[in-house]
């Protein structure tokens, strides 16, 4: 299993929207960045990810699971763009803010800190465990 981070503006698609989709999940559609698309092509069903609220909140707020592998993004006919489907697994007990992440030396190489504009990105095993610990949430 690999780990990922999915960024969304909560005013567009937030954690509560994701939870409301239940086990069916929802397409992580509309991504038009080649690097993010390539990461989605690497994902496998059952991979886990952080659900990250961007803009004002800037915090990891939950854990999601990939429930459908990469497929054509339904928001476009352009076959260059794919997406995965994700479903909510559990919320974070305590959201982990970007400011908190910046203070932890072992997280200093996270893609989130190096390429903050990337909407879909990998998360290392130790990064995953550290952030779950910071959020009092079972990894």
Protein backbone atom coordinates (compact mmCIF):
# COMPACT_ATOMS: atom_id res chain seq x y z
CA UNK A 1 0.00 0.00 0.00
CA UNK A 2 1.16 3.50 -0.83
CA UNK A 3 0.17 6.80 0.72
CA UNK A 4 -0.95 10.04 -0.92
CA UNK A 5 -2.28 13.51 -0.18
CA UNK A 6 -5.33 14.96 -1.93
CA UNK A 7 -5.78 18.74 -1.70
CA UNK A 8 -9.15 20.42 -2.05
CA UNK A 9 -10.61 23.81 -1.38
CA UNK A 10 -13.29 23.13 1.26
CA UNK A 11 -15.62 25.67 -0.35
CA UNK A 12 -15.55 23.57 -3.55
CA UNK A 13 -15.29 20.01 -2.15
CA UNK A 14 -14.71 19.50 1.55
CA UNK A 15 -14.39 16.63 3.98
CA UNK A 16 -18.13 16.64 4.73
CA UNK A 17 -18.88 16.33 0.99
CA UNK A 18 -16.51 13.37 0.78
CA UNK A 19 -18.07 11.67 3.81
CA UNK A 20 -21.55 12.14 2.33
CA UNK A 21 -20.56 9.98 -0.68
CA UNK A 22 -20.20 6.96 1.59
CA UNK A 23 -18.55 3.76 0.40
CA UNK A 24 -19.33 4.56 -3.23
CA UNK A 25 -16.80 7.37 -3.08
CA UNK A 26 -16.31 10.07 -5.64
CA UNK A 27 -14.07 10.79 -8.61
CA UNK A 28 -11.10 12.99 -7.81
CA UNK A 29 -11.75 14.78 -11.06
CA UNK A 30 -10.71 18.01 -12.71
CA UNK A 31 -6.97 17.58 -12.16
CA UNK A 32 -5.12 19.18 -15.08
CA UNK A 33 -1.53 18.87 -13.95
CA UNK A 34 0.59 16.18 -15.61
CA UNK A 35 2.58 15.31 -12.49
CA UNK A 36 -0.59 14.93 -10.38
CA UNK A 37 -2.17 12.87 -13.17
CA UNK A 38 0.87 10.60 -13.27
CA UNK A 39 0.62 10.06 -9.51
CA UNK A 40 -3.03 9.01 -9.93
CA UNK A 41 -1.95 6.52 -12.60
CA UNK A 42 0.36 4.95 -10.00
CA UNK A 43 -2.38 4.51 -7.40
CA UNK A 44 -3.91 1.16 -6.57
CA UNK A 45 -7.23 0.29 -4.99
CA UNK A 46 -6.85 0.33 -1.19
CA UNK A 47 -4.03 2.90 -1.20
CA UNK A 48 -4.67 5.48 1.52
CA UNK A 49 -4.48 9.24 1.40
CA UNK A 50 -4.76 12.33 3.50
CA UNK A 51 -7.67 14.66 2.72
CA UNK A 52 -6.20 18.15 2.95
CA UNK A 53 -8.22 21.36 3.12
CA UNK A 54 -6.33 24.06 1.26
CA UNK A 55 -6.75 27.84 1.19
CA UNK A 56 -7.66 29.27 4.60
CA UNK A 57 -7.69 26.11 6.73
CA UNK A 58 -4.54 24.43 5.36
CA UNK A 59 -4.87 21.22 7.35
CA UNK A 60 -5.07 17.46 7.01
CA UNK A 61 -8.62 16.68 8.14
CA UNK A 62 -9.19 13.04 7.26
CA UNK A 63 -8.08 9.78 5.71
CA UNK A 64 -9.42 8.51 2.40
CA UNK A 65 -8.97 5.30 0.45
CA UNK A 66 -8.64 4.79 -3.28
CA UNK A 67 -11.72 2.74 -4.26
CA UNK A 68 -11.30 2.79 -8.07
CA UNK A 69 -8.04 2.81 -10.00
CA UNK A 70 -7.19 5.44 -12.59
CA UNK A 71 -9.82 5.83 -15.31
CA UNK A 72 -11.00 8.49 -17.75
CA UNK A 73 -11.95 11.73 -15.97
CA UNK A 74 -15.66 12.15 -16.63
CA UNK A 75 -15.35 15.95 -16.72
CA UNK A 76 -13.49 15.88 -20.06
CA UNK A 77 -13.38 13.98 -23.35
CA UNK A 78 -9.62 14.52 -23.53
CA UNK A 79 -8.13 11.07 -22.90
CA UNK A 80 -4.96 12.56 -21.42
CA UNK A 81 -6.79 13.20 -18.15
CA UNK A 82 -7.56 10.46 -15.68
CA UNK A 83 -8.76 10.34 -12.11
CA UNK A 84 -9.22 7.86 -9.29
CA UNK A 85 -12.22 7.44 -7.02
CA UNK A 86 -11.75 7.92 -3.29
CA UNK A 87 -13.92 7.28 -0.25
CA UNK A 88 -13.71 8.67 3.27
CA UNK A 89 -12.27 6.31 5.88
CA UNK A 90 -12.16 8.42 9.05
CA UNK A 91 -11.73 12.02 10.15
CA UNK A 92 -8.71 13.22 12.04
CA UNK A 93 -9.34 13.54 15.77
CA UNK A 94 -7.32 16.77 15.64
CA UNK A 95 -6.67 18.35 12.23
CA UNK A 96 -2.96 18.71 11.47
CA UNK A 97 -2.19 22.16 10.15
CA UNK A 98 0.43 23.15 7.62
CA UNK A 99 2.03 25.26 10.34
CA UNK A 100 2.39 22.16 12.56
CA UNK A 101 3.86 20.15 9.69
CA UNK A 102 6.45 22.88 9.05
CA UNK A 103 7.73 22.58 12.64
CA UNK A 104 8.50 18.84 12.49
CA UNK A 105 12.03 18.16 11.27
CA UNK A 106 11.19 14.66 10.01
CA UNK A 107 8.55 16.18 7.70
CA UNK A 108 10.83 18.82 6.17
CA UNK A 109 11.16 16.92 2.88
CA UNK A 110 7.41 16.37 2.34
CA UNK A 111 6.18 17.21 -1.15
CA UNK A 112 3.56 19.40 0.55
CA UNK A 113 6.36 21.69 1.74
CA UNK A 114 8.45 21.49 -1.44
CA UNK A 115 5.68 21.80 -4.06
CA UNK A 116 2.71 23.34 -2.31
CA UNK A 117 0.69 23.86 -5.52
CA UNK A 118 0.50 20.15 -6.42
CA UNK A 119 -3.03 18.88 -5.76
CA UNK A 120 -2.19 15.16 -5.67
CA UNK A 121 1.11 14.04 -4.20
CA UNK A 122 2.88 11.07 -2.62
CA UNK A 123 3.43 10.76 1.14
CA UNK A 124 6.22 8.61 2.58
CA UNK A 125 5.55 5.87 5.13
CA UNK A 126 7.24 7.71 7.99
CA UNK A 127 5.52 10.97 7.00
CA UNK A 128 2.19 9.14 7.07
CA UNK A 129 2.80 7.75 10.55
CA UNK A 130 4.05 11.07 11.92
CA UNK A 131 1.05 13.05 10.65
CA UNK A 132 -1.39 10.43 11.94
CA UNK A 133 0.33 10.63 15.33
CA UNK A 134 0.13 14.43 15.33
CA UNK A 135 -3.60 14.16 14.61
CA UNK A 136 -4.27 11.50 17.29
CA UNK A 137 -5.60 9.34 14.48
CA UNK A 138 -5.03 5.63 13.83
CA UNK A 139 -2.73 5.17 10.86
